[in-house]
C-alpha cells in the first residue's frame, strides 16, 4: 500500500518535469498528489482490512470447536451406541469439558494407528480415548492422569490358562499400536513363548476371534476388558498377573500447552464439584478417577 502511494508521488513529479522541459506549458494539468491525510486514511483502511482478514483466518482455524480424536471401537471409553451416536466415558468427559470452555464439542473417530498423523495435521485437537501416558511421556503434551489402568490378558474360562506361563504355545492377539502391544515388546521372553502374536485394528474384532476360538488370549486394558466381558455376558476371565501398570491422560500436540491448561482446569473443576465421580459411577459403578485424590 505504501509502495502505491510512493508510485503516485513519483508519477506527479515526472509529469511536472516533462511540462517544464517543453517549449509550451502542457495543455493538461497533472492530477494533484494525494494529500497526507488521504494517504494516511488509505493506509489505515488497508491495514484494517489486513487485520480483519487475519482475525477471520484465526477464527476459522480454531472455529470455536473442540475436536476430540478417539477410537470408535473402544468401549466403554468411546464407541457407537445403540442409537448410532458416539458415546462413552471419555467422550462424556470431553463433552462436559467443551461445554465448560464454551466450545462446540465434536467427536472425531480415527484409526488408532493413524492418531499421530491426525493430530499433527490439525484434524483433531486432542486424543482422548483411554490414552496411556506411560511410555509416551515425551511424545505429547499431557494433562495430569485422570485414571489408573493395567494391561492384562483375557482368556476363556475353560481354556485351562491360569497365568502367563500357560500362554506358552498359545495364539495371543493385541490391538495394533496399543499400550498392550508396547507392554508386550518389553517382555520378549514371554512373547517368544507364544505360538503366534497377532495384531488387530480393534478389540471388538479381538473378542469375536476369542469367542470363535481363533485366538487363545487377548492382551488389553483391564478397564476395557471388564466392560467387554460384562456387556457380552461372556464366559471369559481376566488373568490376575498383569503386564504393566499405567495411567490415562488427554494427549495434545507437543507444545499445545494453552489448550491443555484449559482442559486440565475444567477436569479439576469437575472433580471438585463431583461431576467426574457422577460420570464414572454411571459407566463403572464406582469412582475410578484419580484427579484430586
C-alpha atoms as a PDB file:
ATOM      1  CA  UNK A   1       0.000   0.000   0.000  1.00  0.00           C
ATOM      2  CA  UNK A   2       2.876   2.362   0.855  1.00  0.00           C
ATOM      3  CA  UNK A   3       4.518   1.446  -2.469  1.00  0.00           C
ATOM      4  CA  UNK A   4       1.374   2.569  -4.312  1.00  0.00           C
ATOM      5  CA  UNK A   5       1.484   5.973  -2.555  1.00  0.00           C
ATOM      6  CA  UNK A   6       5.165   6.369  -3.492  1.00  0.00           C
ATOM      7  CA  UNK A   7       4.465   5.485  -7.129  1.00  0.00           C
ATOM      8  CA  UNK A   8       1.697   8.088  -7.285  1.00  0.00           C
ATOM      9  CA  UNK A   9       4.031  10.762  -5.951  1.00  0.00           C
ATOM     10  CA  UNK A  10       6.769   9.865  -8.452  1.00  0.00           C
ATOM     11  CA  UNK A  11       4.278   9.983 -11.306  1.00  0.00           C
ATOM     12  CA  UNK A  12       3.289  13.532 -10.322  1.00  0.00           C
ATOM     13  CA  UNK A  13       6.935  14.659 -10.189  1.00  0.00           C
ATOM     14  CA  UNK A  14       7.631  13.148 -13.610  1.00  0.00           C
ATOM     15  CA  UNK A  15       4.625  14.909 -15.131  1.00  0.00           C
ATOM     16  CA  UNK A  16       5.744  18.303 -13.800  1.00  0.00           C
ATOM     17  CA  UNK A  17       9.294  17.702 -15.047  1.00  0.00           C
ATOM     18  CA  UNK A  18       8.103  16.938 -18.576  1.00  0.00           C
ATOM     19  CA  UNK A  19       5.967  20.073 -18.618  1.00  0.00           C
ATOM     20  CA  UNK A  20       8.941  22.264 -17.591  1.00  0.00           C
ATOM     21  CA  UNK A  21      11.177  20.823 -20.338  1.00  0.00           C
ATOM     22  CA  UNK A  22       8.704  21.586 -23.180  1.00  0.00           C
ATOM     23  CA  UNK A  23       8.600  24.842 -25.208  1.00  0.00           C
ATOM     24  CA  UNK A  24       4.994  25.327 -24.153  1.00  0.00           C
ATOM     25  CA  UNK A  25       3.127  24.693 -20.935  1.00  0.00           C
ATOM     26  CA  UNK A  26       1.337  21.373 -21.027  1.00  0.00           C
ATOM     27  CA  UNK A  27      -2.210  21.689 -22.176  1.00  0.00           C
ATOM     28  CA  UNK A  28      -3.389  19.301 -19.448  1.00  0.00           C
ATOM     29  CA  UNK A  29      -2.812  19.628 -15.743  1.00  0.00           C
ATOM     30  CA  UNK A  30      -1.480  16.614 -13.755  1.00  0.00           C
ATOM     31  CA  UNK A  31      -3.790  15.319 -11.091  1.00  0.00           C
ATOM     32  CA  UNK A  32      -2.734  16.588  -7.654  1.00  0.00           C
ATOM     33  CA  UNK A  33      -0.829  14.121  -5.477  1.00  0.00           C
ATOM     34  CA  UNK A  34      -2.785  12.585  -2.645  1.00  0.00           C
ATOM     35  CA  UNK A  35      -2.693  14.663   0.491  1.00  0.00           C
ATOM     36  CA  UNK A  36      -1.015  13.341   3.635  1.00  0.00           C
ATOM     37  CA  UNK A  37      -4.407  12.950   5.254  1.00  0.00           C
ATOM     38  CA  UNK A  38      -5.758  10.975   2.295  1.00  0.00           C
ATOM     39  CA  UNK A  39      -2.657   8.763   2.225  1.00  0.00           C
ATOM     40  CA  UNK A  40      -2.901   8.074   5.961  1.00  0.00           C
ATOM     41  CA  UNK A  41      -6.594   7.267   5.653  1.00  0.00           C
ATOM     42  CA  UNK A  42      -5.908   4.821   2.823  1.00  0.00           C
ATOM     43  CA  UNK A  43      -3.120   3.161   4.798  1.00  0.00           C
ATOM     44  CA  UNK A  44      -5.352   2.808   7.851  1.00  0.00           C
ATOM     45  CA  UNK A  45      -8.141   1.334   5.743  1.00  0.00           C
ATOM     46  CA  UNK A  46      -5.866  -1.256   4.160  1.00  0.00           C
ATOM     47  CA  UNK A  47      -4.269  -2.162   7.490  1.00  0.00           C
ATOM     48  CA  UNK A  48      -7.744  -2.599   8.965  1.00  0.00           C
ATOM     49  CA  UNK A  49      -8.664  -4.918   6.093  1.00  0.00           C
ATOM     50  CA  UNK A  50      -5.494  -6.947   6.636  1.00  0.00           C
ATOM     51  CA  UNK A  51      -6.184  -7.199  10.384  1.00  0.00           C
ATOM     52  CA  UNK A  52      -9.743  -8.297   9.737  1.00  0.00           C
ATOM     53  CA  UNK A  53      -8.520 -10.993   7.351  1.00  0.00           C
ATOM     54  CA  UNK A  54      -6.022 -12.230   9.946  1.00  0.00           C
ATOM     55  CA  UNK A  55      -8.671 -12.334  12.662  1.00  0.00           C
ATOM     56  CA  UNK A  56     -11.062 -14.153  10.341  1.00  0.00           C
ATOM     57  CA  UNK A  57      -8.407 -16.715   9.448  1.00  0.00           C
ATOM     58  CA  UNK A  58      -7.622 -17.257  13.116  1.00  0.00           C
ATOM     59  CA  UNK A  59     -11.296 -17.692  13.939  1.00  0.00           C
ATOM     60  CA  UNK A  60     -11.711 -20.174  11.119  1.00  0.00           C
ATOM     61  CA  UNK A  61      -8.637 -22.157  12.238  1.00  0.00           C
ATOM     62  CA  UNK A  62      -9.992 -22.580  15.757  1.00  0.00           C
ATOM     63  CA  UNK A  63     -13.630 -22.473  14.769  1.00  0.00           C
ATOM     64  CA  UNK A  64     -14.682 -22.376  18.410  1.00  0.00           C
ATOM     65  CA  UNK A  65     -14.698 -26.176  18.355  1.00  0.00           C
ATOM     66  CA  UNK A  66     -13.118 -28.881  20.470  1.00  0.00           C
ATOM     67  CA  UNK A  67     -12.359 -31.788  18.142  1.00  0.00           C
ATOM     68  CA  UNK A  68     -11.735 -34.970  20.094  1.00  0.00           C
ATOM     69  CA  UNK A  69      -9.944 -37.839  18.360  1.00  0.00           C
ATOM     70  CA  UNK A  70     -10.989 -41.311  19.535  1.00  0.00           C
ATOM     71  CA  UNK A  71     -11.235 -44.973  18.551  1.00  0.00           C
ATOM     72  CA  UNK A  72     -14.910 -45.688  17.951  1.00  0.00           C
ATOM     73  CA  UNK A  73     -14.407 -49.387  18.725  1.00  0.00           C
ATOM     74  CA  UNK A  74     -13.082 -48.940  22.255  1.00  0.00           C
ATOM     75  CA  UNK A  75     -15.976 -49.280  24.701  1.00  0.00           C
ATOM     76  CA  UNK A  76     -16.585 -48.036  27.322  1.00  0.00           C
ATOM     77  CA  UNK A  77     -14.228 -45.121  26.596  1.00  0.00           C
ATOM     78  CA  UNK A  78     -15.550 -44.262  23.127  1.00  0.00           C
ATOM     79  CA  UNK A  79     -17.820 -46.187  20.777  1.00  0.00           C
ATOM     80  CA  UNK A  80     -21.031 -46.151  18.739  1.00  0.00           C
ATOM     81  CA  UNK A  81     -24.093 -46.596  20.962  1.00  0.00           C
ATOM     82  CA  UNK A  82     -27.272 -48.485  20.148  1.00  0.00           C
ATOM     83  CA  UNK A  83     -28.799 -45.235  18.905  1.00  0.00           C
ATOM     84  CA  UNK A  84     -25.999 -44.812  16.376  1.00  0.00           C
ATOM     85  CA  UNK A  85     -24.484 -41.885  18.296  1.00  0.00           C
ATOM     86  CA  UNK A  86     -20.953 -41.707  19.641  1.00  0.00           C
ATOM     87  CA  UNK A  87     -20.821 -42.256  23.380  1.00  0.00           C
ATOM     88  CA  UNK A  88     -18.576 -43.491  26.174  1.00  0.00           C
ATOM     89  CA  UNK A  89     -16.952 -42.469  29.425  1.00  0.00           C
ATOM     90  CA  UNK A  90     -14.154 -40.420  27.868  1.00  0.00           C
ATOM     91  CA  UNK A  91     -16.488 -38.799  25.368  1.00  0.00           C
ATOM     92  CA  UNK A  92     -18.842 -37.708  28.162  1.00  0.00           C
ATOM     93  CA  UNK A  93     -15.902 -36.131  29.951  1.00  0.00           C
ATOM     94  CA  UNK A  94     -14.826 -34.415  26.735  1.00  0.00           C
ATOM     95  CA  UNK A  95     -18.331 -33.133  26.026  1.00  0.00           C
ATOM     96  CA  UNK A  96     -18.673 -31.690  29.524  1.00  0.00           C
ATOM     97  CA  UNK A  97     -15.224 -30.105  29.178  1.00  0.00           C
ATOM     98  CA  UNK A  98     -16.181 -28.438  25.892  1.00  0.00           C
ATOM     99  CA  UNK A  99     -19.359 -27.102  27.485  1.00  0.00           C
ATOM    100  CA  UNK A 100     -17.419 -25.540  30.345  1.00  0.00           C
ATOM    101  CA  UNK A 101     -14.904 -23.993  27.964  1.00  0.00           C
ATOM    102  CA  UNK A 102     -17.628 -22.528  25.743  1.00  0.00           C
ATOM    103  CA  UNK A 103     -16.546 -24.621  22.753  1.00  0.00           C
ATOM    104  CA  UNK A 104     -18.525 -26.717  20.306  1.00  0.00           C
ATOM    105  CA  UNK A 105     -17.891 -30.387  21.045  1.00  0.00           C
ATOM    106  CA  UNK A 106     -17.054 -32.548  18.034  1.00  0.00           C
ATOM    107  CA  UNK A 107     -16.134 -36.239  18.428  1.00  0.00           C
ATOM    108  CA  UNK A 108     -13.896 -37.376  15.562  1.00  0.00           C
ATOM    109  CA  UNK A 109     -13.383 -41.135  15.091  1.00  0.00           C
ATOM    110  CA  UNK A 110      -9.891 -42.028  13.894  1.00  0.00           C
ATOM    111  CA  UNK A 111      -7.882 -45.114  13.037  1.00  0.00           C
ATOM    112  CA  UNK A 112      -5.830 -45.699  16.167  1.00  0.00           C
ATOM    113  CA  UNK A 113      -2.591 -46.342  14.305  1.00  0.00           C
ATOM    114  CA  UNK A 114      -3.069 -43.004  12.460  1.00  0.00           C
ATOM    115  CA  UNK A 115      -3.654 -40.907  15.596  1.00  0.00           C
ATOM    116  CA  UNK A 116      -0.305 -39.092  15.433  1.00  0.00           C
ATOM    117  CA  UNK A 117      -0.841 -38.117  11.803  1.00  0.00           C
ATOM    118  CA  UNK A 118      -4.348 -36.793  12.598  1.00  0.00           C
ATOM    119  CA  UNK A 119      -3.002 -34.734  15.496  1.00  0.00           C
ATOM    120  CA  UNK A 120      -0.052 -33.312  13.569  1.00  0.00           C
ATOM    121  CA  UNK A 121      -2.292 -32.397  10.618  1.00  0.00           C
ATOM    122  CA  UNK A 122      -4.619 -30.447  12.917  1.00  0.00           C
ATOM    123  CA  UNK A 123      -7.603 -32.669  12.110  1.00  0.00           C
ATOM    124  CA  UNK A 124      -8.139 -33.194  15.838  1.00  0.00           C
ATOM    125  CA  UNK A 125      -7.324 -31.070  18.898  1.00  0.00           C
ATOM    126  CA  UNK A 126      -6.508 -33.947  21.203  1.00  0.00           C
ATOM    127  CA  UNK A 127      -6.528 -37.713  21.669  1.00  0.00           C
ATOM    128  CA  UNK A 128      -8.954 -38.669  24.424  1.00  0.00           C
ATOM    129  CA  UNK A 129      -9.791 -42.348  24.468  1.00  0.00           C
ATOM    130  CA  UNK A 130      -8.211 -44.451  27.192  1.00  0.00           C
ATOM    131  CA  UNK A 131      -4.908 -42.946  26.065  1.00  0.00           C
ATOM    132  CA  UNK A 132      -1.965 -44.234  28.085  1.00  0.00           C
ATOM    133  CA  UNK A 133       0.646 -41.729  29.231  1.00  0.00           C
ATOM    134  CA  UNK A 134       3.157 -44.358  30.338  1.00  0.00           C
ATOM    135  CA  UNK A 135       5.864 -44.772  27.712  1.00  0.00           C
ATOM    136  CA  UNK A 136       4.620 -41.755  25.730  1.00  0.00           C
ATOM    137  CA  UNK A 137       5.522 -39.027  28.212  1.00  0.00           C
ATOM    138  CA  UNK A 138       7.705 -37.073  25.776  1.00  0.00           C
ATOM    139  CA  UNK A 139       5.619 -37.596  22.644  1.00  0.00           C
ATOM    140  CA  UNK A 140       2.657 -35.360  23.552  1.00  0.00           C
ATOM    141  CA  UNK A 141       1.662 -32.507  25.826  1.00  0.00           C
ATOM    142  CA  UNK A 142      -0.411 -34.221  28.525  1.00  0.00           C
ATOM    143  CA  UNK A 143      -2.997 -33.372  31.136  1.00  0.00           C
ATOM    144  CA  UNK A 144      -2.457 -34.844  34.570  1.00  0.00           C
ATOM    145  CA  UNK A 145      -3.611 -38.504  34.773  1.00  0.00           C
ATOM    146  CA  UNK A 146      -7.329 -38.884  35.413  1.00  0.00           C
ATOM    147  CA  UNK A 147      -7.491 -42.690  35.699  1.00  0.00           C
ATOM    148  CA  UNK A 148      -5.233 -45.633  36.585  1.00  0.00           C
ATOM    149  CA  UNK A 149      -5.138 -48.733  34.389  1.00  0.00           C
ATOM    150  CA  UNK A 150      -3.291 -52.013  33.884  1.00  0.00           C
ATOM    151  CA  UNK A 151      -2.617 -54.193  30.856  1.00  0.00           C
ATOM    152  CA  UNK A 152      -3.930 -57.745  31.267  1.00  0.00           C
ATOM    153  CA  UNK A 153      -4.746 -60.963  29.424  1.00  0.00           C
ATOM    154  CA  UNK A 154      -8.303 -62.140  28.762  1.00  0.00           C
ATOM    155  CA  UNK A 155      -8.942 -65.861  28.201  1.00  0.00           C
ATOM    156  CA  UNK A 156     -11.913 -68.220  28.024  1.00  0.00           C
ATOM    157  CA  UNK A 157     -12.973 -69.717  31.362  1.00  0.00           C
ATOM    158  CA  UNK A 158     -12.468 -73.260  30.047  1.00  0.00           C
ATOM    159  CA  UNK A 159      -9.133 -72.539  28.364  1.00  0.00           C
ATOM    160  CA  UNK A 160      -7.018 -74.076  31.094  1.00  0.00           C
ATOM    161  CA  UNK A 161      -4.919 -70.882  31.127  1.00  0.00           C
ATOM    162  CA  UNK A 162      -4.431 -69.741  34.719  1.00  0.00           C
ATOM    163  CA  UNK A 163      -1.411 -67.465  34.337  1.00  0.00           C
ATOM    164  CA  UNK A 164       1.082 -66.022  31.893  1.00  0.00           C
ATOM    165  CA  UNK A 165       3.206 -69.175  31.992  1.00  0.00           C
ATOM    166  CA  UNK A 166       0.283 -71.076  30.470  1.00  0.00           C
ATOM    167  CA  UNK A 167       0.341 -68.817  27.384  1.00  0.00           C
ATOM    168  CA  UNK A 168       3.338 -70.728  26.012  1.00  0.00           C
ATOM    169  CA  UNK A 169       2.386 -72.224  22.661  1.00  0.00           C
ATOM    170  CA  UNK A 170      -0.818 -70.149  22.511  1.00  0.00           C
ATOM    171  CA  UNK A 171      -2.090 -67.593  19.987  1.00  0.00           C
ATOM    172  CA  UNK A 172      -2.369 -64.133  21.541  1.00  0.00           C
ATOM    173  CA  UNK A 173      -3.990 -61.083  19.920  1.00  0.00           C
ATOM    174  CA  UNK A 174      -3.483 -57.374  20.629  1.00  0.00           C
ATOM    175  CA  UNK A 175      -4.605 -54.074  19.089  1.00  0.00           C
ATOM    176  CA  UNK A 176      -2.050 -52.542  16.735  1.00  0.00           C
ATOM    177  CA  UNK A 177      -0.113 -49.581  18.186  1.00  0.00           C
ATOM    178  CA  UNK A 178      -1.755 -50.036  21.585  1.00  0.00           C
ATOM    179  CA  UNK A 179      -0.263 -49.800  25.052  1.00  0.00           C
ATOM    180  CA  UNK A 180      -0.704 -53.555  25.417  1.00  0.00           C
ATOM    181  CA  UNK A 181       1.399 -54.112  22.304  1.00  0.00           C
ATOM    182  CA  UNK A 182       4.063 -51.783  23.714  1.00  0.00           C
ATOM    183  CA  UNK A 183       3.991 -53.651  27.031  1.00  0.00           C
ATOM    184  CA  UNK A 184       4.435 -56.986  25.250  1.00  0.00           C
ATOM    185  CA  UNK A 185       7.511 -55.677  23.474  1.00  0.00           C
ATOM    186  CA  UNK A 186       9.067 -55.112  26.889  1.00  0.00           C
ATOM    187  CA  UNK A 187       8.831 -58.830  27.735  1.00  0.00           C
ATOM    188  CA  UNK A 188      10.387 -60.688  24.763  1.00  0.00           C
ATOM    189  CA  UNK A 189      10.875 -63.798  26.884  1.00  0.00           C
ATOM    190  CA  UNK A 190       7.100 -64.005  27.279  1.00  0.00           C
ATOM    191  CA  UNK A 191       6.121 -63.182  23.706  1.00  0.00           C
ATOM    192  CA  UNK A 192       8.802 -65.544  22.461  1.00  0.00           C
ATOM    193  CA  UNK A 193       6.938 -68.377  24.135  1.00  0.00           C
ATOM    194  CA  UNK A 194       3.713 -67.660  22.214  1.00  0.00           C
ATOM    195  CA  UNK A 195       2.813 -69.773  19.235  1.00  0.00           C
ATOM    196  CA  UNK A 196       1.840 -66.538  17.488  1.00  0.00           C
ATOM    197  CA  UNK A 197       1.243 -62.875  18.346  1.00  0.00           C
ATOM    198  CA  UNK A 198      -1.407 -61.300  16.145  1.00  0.00           C
ATOM    199  CA  UNK A 199      -2.476 -57.671  15.821  1.00  0.00           C
ATOM    200  CA  UNK A 200      -5.946 -56.369  15.041  1.00  0.00           C
ATOM    201  CA  UNK A 201      -7.424 -52.961  14.313  1.00  0.00           C
ATOM    202  CA  UNK A 202      -9.826 -53.004  17.288  1.00  0.00           C
ATOM    203  CA  UNK A 203     -10.811 -55.032  20.338  1.00  0.00           C
ATOM    204  CA  UNK A 204     -14.323 -55.802  19.123  1.00  0.00           C
ATOM    205  CA  UNK A 205     -12.694 -57.943  16.449  1.00  0.00           C
ATOM    206  CA  UNK A 206     -10.351 -59.455  19.030  1.00  0.00           C
ATOM    207  CA  UNK A 207     -13.273 -60.533  21.221  1.00  0.00           C
ATOM    208  CA  UNK A 208     -15.041 -62.108  18.268  1.00  0.00           C
ATOM    209  CA  UNK A 209     -11.839 -64.024  17.498  1.00  0.00           C
ATOM    210  CA  UNK A 210     -11.679 -65.205  21.115  1.00  0.00           C
ATOM    211  CA  UNK A 211     -15.329 -66.264  21.074  1.00  0.00           C
ATOM    212  CA  UNK A 212     -14.765 -68.273  17.894  1.00  0.00           C
ATOM    213  CA  UNK A 213     -11.605 -69.900  19.225  1.00  0.00           C
ATOM    214  CA  UNK A 214      -9.387 -68.276  16.578  1.00  0.00           C
ATOM    215  CA  UNK A 215      -7.110 -66.957  19.353  1.00  0.00           C
ATOM    216  CA  UNK A 216      -6.385 -68.169  22.888  1.00  0.00           C
ATOM    217  CA  UNK A 217      -5.931 -64.832  24.650  1.00  0.00           C
ATOM    218  CA  UNK A 218      -6.213 -61.063  24.239  1.00  0.00           C
ATOM    219  CA  UNK A 219      -3.769 -58.567  25.732  1.00  0.00           C
ATOM    220  CA  UNK A 220      -5.584 -55.312  26.585  1.00  0.00           C
ATOM    221  CA  UNK A 221      -6.610 -52.619  29.093  1.00  0.00           C
ATOM    222  CA  UNK A 222      -8.275 -54.019  32.213  1.00  0.00           C
ATOM    223  CA  UNK A 223     -10.924 -51.258  32.221  1.00  0.00           C
ATOM    224  CA  UNK A 224     -11.991 -52.114  28.683  1.00  0.00           C
ATOM    225  CA  UNK A 225     -11.700 -55.863  29.297  1.00  0.00           C
ATOM    226  CA  UNK A 226     -14.063 -55.750  32.262  1.00  0.00           C
ATOM    227  CA  UNK A 227     -16.630 -53.733  30.341  1.00  0.00           C
ATOM    228  CA  UNK A 228     -16.486 -56.007  27.283  1.00  0.00           C
ATOM    229  CA  UNK A 229     -16.942 -59.156  29.377  1.00  0.00           C
ATOM    230  CA  UNK A 230     -19.894 -57.632  31.238  1.00  0.00           C
ATOM    231  CA  UNK A 231     -21.621 -56.356  28.103  1.00  0.00           C
ATOM    232  CA  UNK A 232     -21.145 -59.608  26.204  1.00  0.00           C
ATOM    233  CA  UNK A 233     -22.070 -61.735  29.215  1.00  0.00           C
ATOM    234  CA  UNK A 234     -19.201 -63.893  28.024  1.00  0.00           C
ATOM    235  CA  UNK A 235     -17.502 -66.824  29.733  1.00  0.00           C
ATOM    236  CA  UNK A 236     -14.166 -65.041  29.826  1.00  0.00           C
ATOM    237  CA  UNK A 237     -11.836 -64.233  32.679  1.00  0.00           C
ATOM    238  CA  UNK A 238      -9.023 -61.749  33.298  1.00  0.00           C
ATOM    239  CA  UNK A 239      -5.729 -63.268  34.423  1.00  0.00           C
ATOM    240  CA  UNK A 240      -4.551 -61.932  37.776  1.00  0.00           C
ATOM    241  CA  UNK A 241      -0.923 -61.376  36.790  1.00  0.00           C
ATOM    242  CA  UNK A 242      -0.906 -58.179  34.763  1.00  0.00           C
ATOM    243  CA  UNK A 243       1.538 -56.983  32.124  1.00  0.00           C
ATOM    244  CA  UNK A 244       2.017 -53.416  33.338  1.00  0.00           C
ATOM    245  CA  UNK A 245       0.518 -50.579  35.360  1.00  0.00           C
ATOM    246  CA  UNK A 246      -0.165 -47.246  33.704  1.00  0.00           C
ATOM    247  CA  UNK A 247      -2.247 -44.066  33.707  1.00  0.00           C
ATOM    248  CA  UNK A 248      -4.690 -42.443  31.297  1.00  0.00           C
ATOM    249  CA  UNK A 249      -4.441 -38.807  30.228  1.00  0.00           C
ATOM    250  CA  UNK A 250      -5.563 -36.460  27.459  1.00  0.00           C
ATOM    251  CA  UNK A 251      -2.849 -36.031  24.826  1.00  0.00           C
ATOM    252  CA  UNK A 252      -2.310 -32.836  22.814  1.00  0.00           C
ATOM    253  CA  UNK A 253       0.143 -31.941  20.071  1.00  0.00           C
ATOM    254  CA  UNK A 254       3.551 -31.292  21.561  1.00  0.00           C
ATOM    255  CA  UNK A 255       3.705 -27.679  22.708  1.00  0.00           C
ATOM    256  CA  UNK A 256      -0.041 -27.014  22.813  1.00  0.00           C
ATOM    257  CA  UNK A 257       0.044 -26.058  26.475  1.00  0.00           C
ATOM    258  CA  UNK A 258      -2.638 -23.376  26.161  1.00  0.00           C
ATOM    259  CA  UNK A 259      -5.432 -25.807  25.318  1.00  0.00           C
ATOM    260  CA  UNK A 260      -4.026 -28.427  27.684  1.00  0.00           C
ATOM    261  CA  UNK A 261      -4.159 -25.987  30.582  1.00  0.00           C
ATOM    262  CA  UNK A 262      -7.784 -25.104  29.840  1.00  0.00           C
ATOM    263  CA  UNK A 263      -8.814 -28.758  29.695  1.00  0.00           C
ATOM    264  CA  UNK A 264      -6.858 -29.512  32.865  1.00  0.00           C
ATOM    265  CA  UNK A 265      -8.628 -26.687  34.695  1.00  0.00           C
ATOM    266  CA  UNK A 266     -12.014 -27.994  33.531  1.00  0.00           C
ATOM    267  CA  UNK A 267     -11.189 -31.515  34.752  1.00  0.00           C
ATOM    268  CA  UNK A 268     -10.121 -30.196  38.149  1.00  0.00           C
ATOM    269  CA  UNK A 269     -13.335 -28.202  38.377  1.00  0.00           C
ATOM    270  CA  UNK A 270     -15.341 -31.321  37.506  1.00  0.00           C
ATOM    271  CA  UNK A 271     -13.503 -33.300  40.192  1.00  0.00           C
ATOM    272  CA  UNK A 272     -14.220 -30.607  42.778  1.00  0.00           C
ATOM    273  CA  UNK A 273     -17.954 -30.359  42.053  1.00  0.00           C
ATOM    274  CA  UNK A 274     -18.494 -34.133  41.797  1.00  0.00           C
ATOM    275  CA  UNK A 275     -19.125 -34.347  38.047  1.00  0.00           C
ATOM    276  CA  UNK A 276     -16.199 -36.736  37.453  1.00  0.00           C
ATOM    277  CA  UNK A 277     -17.489 -39.041  40.173  1.00  0.00           C
ATOM    278  CA  UNK A 278     -21.029 -38.996  38.756  1.00  0.00           C
ATOM    279  CA  UNK A 279     -19.925 -39.842  35.198  1.00  0.00           C
ATOM    280  CA  UNK A 280     -17.559 -42.561  36.460  1.00  0.00           C
ATOM    281  CA  UNK A 281     -20.277 -44.215  38.549  1.00  0.00           C
ATOM    282  CA  UNK A 282     -22.586 -44.172  35.543  1.00  0.00           C
ATOM    283  CA  UNK A 283     -20.112 -46.169  33.447  1.00  0.00           C
ATOM    284  CA  UNK A 284     -18.234 -48.263  36.001  1.00  0.00           C
ATOM    285  CA  UNK A 285     -20.488 -48.440  39.051  1.00  0.00           C
ATOM    286  CA  UNK A 286     -17.774 -46.711  41.108  1.00  0.00           C
ATOM    287  CA  UNK A 287     -15.482 -43.708  41.035  1.00  0.00           C
ATOM    288  CA  UNK A 288     -12.307 -44.837  39.268  1.00  0.00           C
ATOM    289  CA  UNK A 289     -10.956 -41.334  38.590  1.00  0.00           C
ATOM    290  CA  UNK A 290      -7.760 -40.054  40.237  1.00  0.00           C
ATOM    291  CA  UNK A 291      -7.833 -36.247  39.933  1.00  0.00           C
ATOM    292  CA  UNK A 292      -7.765 -34.518  43.303  1.00  0.00           C
ATOM    293  CA  UNK A 293      -7.103 -37.760  45.206  1.00  0.00           C
END
